Amino acid sequence: MDLKGAVALVTGGNGGLGQRICHALAREGAHVAVVYAQSRSQAEAVARDLASRHQVNAAAFACDITDAAAVEKLVGDVTARFGRLDILVNDAAYNRAIPFPDLDSLTEEVWDRIMAVNLAGPMRLTKAVAPVMKAQGRGRIVNIASVAGLQPTGSSIAYAVSKAGLIHLTRCMAVALAPETLVNCVAPGLLEGTRATANLRPEQIERSAAGALLRKAADKDDCADMVATMCRTETMTGQTVVIDAGRVFH
């Protein structure tokens, strides 16, 4: 799919990885809806930077992706603002560092919050954009998971399970939305300079980097470039690509 003139909705677009994804798509000529949950000023700054640097249309939109009505309004507002909607990137996520053996700290409230943002949110957004993309005859959805969804690792059991669910949701939605809409997934390893990494314990960060064959964290631009590739593709769907400096093979 030619991305020039396409419209992309990126949740968590003001985050460390989200900003890189927005810029990767804008470089290809896509207009961008930068979706944020709390940091309005930051998201608006990202939108201004996209517009000035890449000569595309960009705007910030607030949305609580755990709220069904808010998601429906978001999709309506974005399509009204840009006239169409071609790409959804589910990058927004929540985590909380809890060692796996510490089951007492893995409360129902923590579990529910992580699942609501990391799994139910992308499902809700996917369902909301699906009829728009079908009517247009084309669409691309890219989910941002984690290597924690492929191995029992990561910031917490809930986070790992939510990302495993997101990877399988990718496969299931690829079946449900074919042939008009292609659905794929990027599973990063440790990423430095993101809000998610800021929630990790120092020993987790050190262990993750040391356990990679390349002895370093994954690169945010590599992940963002893969998102753009998945949006351009015409024949790949239901796939998860790992970018983790050589830590997990699947």
Foldseek 3Di string as FASTA:
>chain_A
DQLALAEEEEEVCLWPLNLLLLQLSLQSRYEYEYEYAPPQVSSQVSQVCSCVVRVHHYDYDYADLLDLVRLLVVVVVRCVVSVAHAEYELDDFDDAADPAVPVVVVDPVRLVVRLSRLAVSVVSNCVNCLVRQVVVQAHEYEYEAACLCVDVDDRYNSNSVSRVNVLVVQLVVCVVRPPRYAGEYEHFYDDPRTPRNVNHDPVSQCVLLCQAPQSGFFYSNVRSNVSVVRSPDNPDHSYYHYGGNHRDDD
